[in-house]
N, C-alpha and C. Protein backbone atom coordinates (compact mmCIF):
# COMPACT_ATOMS: atom_id res chain seq x y z
N MET A 1 14.24 17.39 -10.75
CA MET A 1 14.52 17.12 -9.33
C MET A 1 13.80 15.75 -8.74
N LYS A 2 12.79 15.37 -9.28
CA LYS A 2 12.07 14.20 -9.10
C LYS A 2 12.95 13.03 -9.43
N GLY A 3 13.74 13.08 -10.30
CA GLY A 3 14.46 12.00 -10.75
C GLY A 3 15.73 11.66 -9.76
N LEU A 4 16.05 12.79 -9.05
CA LEU A 4 17.15 12.46 -7.98
C LEU A 4 16.34 11.74 -6.74
N LYS A 5 15.22 11.81 -6.60
CA LYS A 5 14.50 11.05 -5.47
C LYS A 5 14.56 9.45 -5.85
N ILE A 6 14.59 9.22 -7.07
CA ILE A 6 14.42 7.80 -7.53
C ILE A 6 15.81 7.16 -7.35
N ILE A 7 16.84 7.79 -7.38
CA ILE A 7 18.16 7.30 -7.40
C ILE A 7 18.46 6.58 -6.12
N PRO A 8 18.33 7.05 -4.95
CA PRO A 8 18.50 6.19 -3.67
C PRO A 8 17.63 4.98 -3.56
N MET A 9 16.34 5.06 -4.14
CA MET A 9 15.46 3.82 -4.10
C MET A 9 16.20 2.74 -5.02
N PHE A 10 16.57 3.33 -6.16
CA PHE A 10 17.05 2.31 -7.13
C PHE A 10 18.43 1.58 -6.56
N LEU A 11 19.19 2.37 -5.80
CA LEU A 11 20.41 1.74 -5.08
C LEU A 11 20.00 0.90 -4.01
N LEU A 12 18.86 1.14 -3.32
CA LEU A 12 18.56 0.34 -2.24
C LEU A 12 18.09 -0.98 -2.80
N LEU A 13 17.15 -0.99 -3.98
CA LEU A 13 16.91 -2.11 -4.56
C LEU A 13 17.82 -2.95 -5.21
N ILE A 14 18.93 -2.28 -5.57
CA ILE A 14 20.17 -3.10 -6.06
C ILE A 14 20.80 -3.92 -4.92
N ALA A 15 20.92 -3.11 -3.78
CA ALA A 15 21.57 -3.74 -2.46
C ALA A 15 20.71 -4.96 -2.00
N LEU A 16 19.29 -4.70 -2.02
CA LEU A 16 18.48 -5.81 -1.58
C LEU A 16 18.55 -6.90 -2.49
N THR A 17 18.56 -6.74 -3.94
CA THR A 17 18.80 -7.88 -4.83
C THR A 17 20.04 -8.61 -4.55
N TYR A 18 21.12 -7.85 -4.30
CA TYR A 18 22.44 -8.55 -4.18
C TYR A 18 22.42 -9.44 -2.75
N THR A 19 21.73 -8.80 -1.90
CA THR A 19 21.62 -9.50 -0.54
C THR A 19 20.70 -10.63 -0.72
N GLY A 20 19.83 -10.70 -1.51
CA GLY A 20 18.87 -11.79 -1.76
C GLY A 20 19.55 -12.93 -2.54
N MET A 21 20.59 -12.62 -3.43
CA MET A 21 21.35 -13.52 -4.15
C MET A 21 22.46 -14.20 -3.22
N LEU A 22 22.86 -13.52 -2.40
CA LEU A 22 23.82 -14.08 -1.27
C LEU A 22 23.08 -15.00 -0.54
N PHE A 23 21.77 -14.58 -0.13
CA PHE A 23 20.97 -15.43 0.76
C PHE A 23 20.64 -16.71 0.06
N VAL A 24 20.20 -16.78 -1.16
CA VAL A 24 19.93 -17.98 -1.94
C VAL A 24 21.31 -18.68 -2.01
N GLN A 25 22.49 -18.09 -2.20
CA GLN A 25 23.68 -18.79 -2.44
C GLN A 25 23.96 -19.53 -1.10
N ALA A 26 23.84 -18.90 -0.07
CA ALA A 26 24.25 -19.50 1.25
C ALA A 26 23.11 -20.62 1.70
N ASN A 27 21.92 -20.54 1.26
CA ASN A 27 20.94 -21.61 1.63
C ASN A 27 20.67 -22.46 0.36
N GLY A 28 21.67 -23.11 -0.24
CA GLY A 28 21.65 -23.91 -1.42
C GLY A 28 20.92 -25.17 -1.40
N ASP A 29 20.64 -25.58 -0.19
CA ASP A 29 20.27 -26.93 -0.03
C ASP A 29 18.89 -26.99 -0.85
N GLU A 30 18.70 -28.11 -1.58
CA GLU A 30 17.45 -28.28 -2.41
C GLU A 30 16.24 -28.89 -1.64
N MET A 31 15.13 -28.53 -2.09
CA MET A 31 13.78 -29.01 -1.44
C MET A 31 12.81 -29.05 -2.52
N VAL A 32 11.89 -30.09 -2.34
CA VAL A 32 10.83 -30.24 -3.41
C VAL A 32 9.57 -29.72 -2.56
N VAL A 33 8.95 -28.83 -3.25
CA VAL A 33 7.50 -28.37 -2.74
C VAL A 33 6.41 -29.07 -3.38
N LYS A 34 5.38 -29.65 -2.61
CA LYS A 34 4.33 -30.43 -3.02
C LYS A 34 3.17 -29.50 -2.53
N LEU A 35 2.29 -29.17 -3.57
CA LEU A 35 1.00 -28.51 -3.30
C LEU A 35 -0.18 -29.44 -4.01
N GLY A 36 -0.81 -30.31 -3.16
CA GLY A 36 -1.74 -31.17 -3.70
C GLY A 36 -1.14 -32.21 -4.72
N SER A 37 -1.52 -32.24 -5.69
CA SER A 37 -1.01 -33.10 -6.82
C SER A 37 0.21 -32.57 -7.50
N TYR A 38 0.37 -31.17 -7.36
CA TYR A 38 1.63 -30.50 -8.05
C TYR A 38 2.70 -30.72 -7.23
N GLN A 39 3.94 -30.94 -8.01
CA GLN A 39 5.19 -31.05 -7.22
C GLN A 39 6.26 -30.26 -8.10
N THR A 40 7.01 -29.32 -7.43
CA THR A 40 8.13 -28.78 -8.15
C THR A 40 9.28 -29.61 -8.25
N PRO A 41 10.24 -29.34 -9.24
CA PRO A 41 11.52 -29.79 -9.21
C PRO A 41 12.24 -29.27 -8.07
N PRO A 42 13.53 -30.01 -7.65
CA PRO A 42 14.11 -29.40 -6.38
C PRO A 42 14.62 -27.97 -6.68
N ILE A 43 14.34 -27.16 -5.75
CA ILE A 43 14.57 -25.77 -5.59
C ILE A 43 15.44 -25.34 -4.37
N ALA A 44 16.17 -24.38 -4.58
CA ALA A 44 16.98 -24.03 -3.34
C ALA A 44 16.06 -23.40 -2.31
N ILE A 45 16.32 -23.78 -1.00
CA ILE A 45 15.49 -23.33 0.16
C ILE A 45 15.66 -21.76 0.13
N GLY A 46 16.62 -21.21 -0.12
CA GLY A 46 16.70 -19.67 -0.11
C GLY A 46 15.67 -19.02 -0.96
N PHE A 47 15.70 -19.68 -2.18
CA PHE A 47 14.74 -19.17 -3.24
C PHE A 47 13.34 -19.34 -2.73
N ILE A 48 13.03 -20.41 -2.26
CA ILE A 48 11.66 -20.61 -1.65
C ILE A 48 11.26 -19.56 -0.67
N ILE A 49 12.26 -19.28 0.25
CA ILE A 49 11.88 -18.28 1.35
C ILE A 49 11.67 -16.96 0.71
N LEU A 50 12.62 -16.47 -0.29
CA LEU A 50 12.53 -15.15 -0.83
C LEU A 50 11.21 -15.21 -1.71
N SER A 51 10.85 -16.11 -2.43
CA SER A 51 9.53 -16.35 -3.29
C SER A 51 8.47 -16.12 -2.29
N SER A 52 8.43 -16.68 -1.22
CA SER A 52 7.19 -16.62 -0.31
C SER A 52 7.05 -15.17 0.43
N VAL A 53 8.26 -14.58 0.67
CA VAL A 53 8.34 -13.00 1.06
C VAL A 53 7.79 -12.26 0.07
N PHE A 54 8.34 -12.42 -1.20
CA PHE A 54 7.65 -11.58 -2.39
C PHE A 54 6.11 -11.83 -2.51
N VAL A 55 5.71 -12.99 -2.54
CA VAL A 55 4.36 -13.10 -2.64
C VAL A 55 3.55 -12.60 -1.55
N GLY A 56 4.07 -12.60 -0.23
CA GLY A 56 3.37 -12.11 0.91
C GLY A 56 3.32 -10.36 0.67
N MET A 57 4.41 -9.83 0.18
CA MET A 57 4.34 -8.52 -0.10
C MET A 57 3.39 -8.00 -1.08
N ILE A 58 3.27 -8.87 -2.02
CA ILE A 58 2.17 -8.63 -3.00
C ILE A 58 0.82 -8.58 -2.63
N ILE A 59 0.62 -9.56 -1.82
CA ILE A 59 -0.91 -9.74 -1.14
C ILE A 59 -1.07 -8.61 -0.18
N CYS A 60 -0.15 -8.17 0.66
CA CYS A 60 -0.16 -7.18 1.47
C CYS A 60 -0.57 -5.83 0.78
N GLY A 61 0.18 -5.62 -0.27
CA GLY A 61 -0.04 -4.40 -1.11
C GLY A 61 -1.38 -4.36 -1.84
N VAL A 62 -1.85 -5.50 -2.23
CA VAL A 62 -3.36 -5.49 -2.65
C VAL A 62 -4.35 -5.18 -1.64
N LEU A 63 -4.03 -5.86 -0.40
CA LEU A 63 -5.10 -5.68 0.76
C LEU A 63 -5.00 -4.22 1.21
N CYS A 64 -3.69 -3.63 1.21
CA CYS A 64 -3.71 -2.18 1.64
C CYS A 64 -4.30 -1.28 0.48
N SER A 65 -4.28 -1.75 -0.56
CA SER A 65 -4.90 -0.90 -1.68
C SER A 65 -6.42 -1.09 -1.50
N VAL A 66 -6.86 -2.09 -1.37
CA VAL A 66 -8.42 -2.14 -1.08
C VAL A 66 -8.85 -1.40 0.10
N GLU A 67 -8.07 -1.41 1.19
CA GLU A 67 -8.47 -0.66 2.41
C GLU A 67 -8.32 0.88 2.31
N MET A 68 -7.31 1.45 1.30
CA MET A 68 -7.35 2.56 1.08
C MET A 68 -8.43 3.04 0.07
N LEU A 69 -8.98 2.28 -0.76
CA LEU A 69 -9.96 2.54 -1.63
C LEU A 69 -11.18 2.78 -0.76
N GLY A 70 -11.48 1.88 0.24
CA GLY A 70 -12.50 2.04 1.14
C GLY A 70 -12.38 3.38 1.91
N LEU A 71 -11.30 3.70 2.31
CA LEU A 71 -11.14 4.88 3.13
C LEU A 71 -11.29 6.09 2.27
N TYR A 72 -11.06 6.17 0.94
CA TYR A 72 -11.23 6.96 -0.01
C TYR A 72 -12.71 7.25 -0.19
N VAL A 73 -13.45 6.19 -0.40
CA VAL A 73 -14.86 6.34 -0.79
C VAL A 73 -15.69 6.82 0.46
N GLN A 74 -15.10 6.40 1.67
CA GLN A 74 -15.82 6.82 2.88
C GLN A 74 -15.44 8.19 3.27
N ASN A 75 -14.34 8.73 2.81
CA ASN A 75 -13.94 10.24 2.99
C ASN A 75 -14.77 11.04 2.06
N ARG A 76 -14.86 10.56 0.78
CA ARG A 76 -15.74 11.29 -0.21
C ARG A 76 -17.33 11.60 0.42
N ARG A 77 -17.66 10.38 0.96
CA ARG A 77 -19.27 10.34 1.36
C ARG A 77 -19.37 11.25 2.51
N LEU A 78 -18.30 11.23 3.44
CA LEU A 78 -18.45 12.16 4.74
C LEU A 78 -18.29 13.68 4.20
N LYS A 79 -17.56 13.88 3.24
CA LYS A 79 -17.43 15.27 2.80
C LYS A 79 -18.63 15.77 2.34
N LYS A 80 -19.30 15.00 1.40
CA LYS A 80 -20.62 15.24 0.78
C LYS A 80 -21.73 15.68 2.08
N LYS A 81 -21.67 14.62 3.02
CA LYS A 81 -22.56 14.87 4.16
C LYS A 81 -22.28 16.11 4.98
N LEU A 82 -20.98 16.39 5.04
CA LEU A 82 -20.67 17.70 5.85
C LEU A 82 -20.96 18.81 5.14
N LEU A 83 -20.83 18.84 3.73
CA LEU A 83 -21.26 19.93 2.89
C LEU A 83 -22.76 20.14 3.02
N GLY A 84 -23.57 19.02 3.00
CA GLY A 84 -25.05 19.19 3.29
C GLY A 84 -25.38 19.73 4.64
N ILE A 85 -24.56 19.31 5.65
CA ILE A 85 -25.12 19.76 6.92
C ILE A 85 -24.79 21.28 7.07
N ASN A 86 -23.69 21.73 6.57
CA ASN A 86 -23.35 23.10 6.43
C ASN A 86 -24.34 24.00 5.79
N LEU A 87 -24.69 23.32 4.59
CA LEU A 87 -25.54 24.22 3.64
C LEU A 87 -26.89 24.23 4.42
N SER A 88 -27.45 23.11 5.06
CA SER A 88 -28.74 23.39 5.84
C SER A 88 -28.72 24.26 6.95
N ASN A 89 -27.46 24.32 7.70
CA ASN A 89 -27.31 25.09 8.87
C ASN A 89 -27.34 26.63 8.44
N LYS A 90 -26.67 26.92 7.21
CA LYS A 90 -26.64 28.36 6.80
C LYS A 90 -28.19 28.73 6.20
N VAL A 91 -28.97 27.96 5.75
CA VAL A 91 -30.14 28.40 5.48
C VAL A 91 -31.17 28.36 6.46
N VAL A 92 -31.31 27.39 7.49
CA VAL A 92 -32.22 27.33 8.46
C VAL A 92 -31.78 28.32 9.69
N SER A 93 -30.44 28.27 10.00
CA SER A 93 -30.15 28.85 11.27
C SER A 93 -29.83 30.29 11.12
N THR A 94 -29.95 31.06 12.32
CA THR A 94 -29.51 32.59 12.25
C THR A 94 -28.33 32.64 13.19
N SER A 95 -28.00 31.64 13.62
CA SER A 95 -26.77 31.72 14.65
C SER A 95 -25.41 32.22 13.96
N PRO A 96 -24.39 32.37 14.84
CA PRO A 96 -23.28 32.95 14.12
C PRO A 96 -22.70 31.82 13.19
N PRO A 97 -22.09 32.38 12.03
CA PRO A 97 -21.52 31.40 10.97
C PRO A 97 -20.37 30.39 11.65
N VAL A 98 -20.61 29.16 11.17
CA VAL A 98 -19.73 28.08 11.59
C VAL A 98 -18.58 28.02 10.73
N GLN A 99 -17.32 27.86 11.21
CA GLN A 99 -16.32 27.73 10.29
C GLN A 99 -16.29 26.68 9.21
N ASP A 100 -16.12 26.93 8.12
CA ASP A 100 -16.20 25.90 6.94
C ASP A 100 -14.99 24.93 7.10
N VAL A 101 -15.11 23.68 7.52
CA VAL A 101 -14.16 22.78 7.81
C VAL A 101 -13.62 22.38 6.43
N THR A 102 -14.52 22.41 5.37
CA THR A 102 -14.08 21.75 3.98
C THR A 102 -13.08 22.67 3.31
N SER A 103 -13.13 24.13 3.76
CA SER A 103 -12.30 24.99 3.01
C SER A 103 -10.82 25.00 3.43
N THR A 104 -10.53 24.22 4.52
CA THR A 104 -9.22 24.06 4.99
C THR A 104 -8.42 23.25 3.78
N LYS A 105 -7.20 23.50 3.66
CA LYS A 105 -6.29 22.63 2.68
C LYS A 105 -6.17 21.34 3.22
N ALA A 106 -6.57 20.35 2.41
CA ALA A 106 -6.40 18.92 2.69
C ALA A 106 -4.98 18.56 2.52
N SER A 107 -4.50 17.57 3.02
CA SER A 107 -3.17 16.75 2.64
C SER A 107 -3.00 16.34 0.99
N GLY A 108 -4.38 16.01 0.54
CA GLY A 108 -4.26 15.51 -0.80
C GLY A 108 -4.12 14.04 -0.92
N ARG A 109 -4.09 13.34 0.33
CA ARG A 109 -3.70 12.05 0.33
C ARG A 109 -5.10 11.19 -0.13
N PHE A 110 -6.18 11.62 0.20
CA PHE A 110 -7.47 10.74 -0.13
C PHE A 110 -8.21 11.63 -1.11
N THR A 111 -7.85 12.69 -1.64
CA THR A 111 -8.70 13.35 -2.51
C THR A 111 -8.03 13.49 -3.95
């Protein structure tokens, strides 16, 4: 059943690739890119634009992954702190029991 979920994504990627090829063909004017002392041979403007979008997507993915890792570490730390607080409350206090928040089913996104 999981394989059926991949098919629409695959078809979407094929459509986006075709659209990108049409974009490069429509913007076929050539341009030379200079970065410091490095100079590229003449490249189509459409290819330069699509390449910059692709590089931006990769950089955003890496930055989002770093942010998610930070949130995961923070979540683990807070869970340990919450467990410590709950254990100390159960030992010291004779008040009515507090509902254990960690026993509820998590979404599994960060665990």
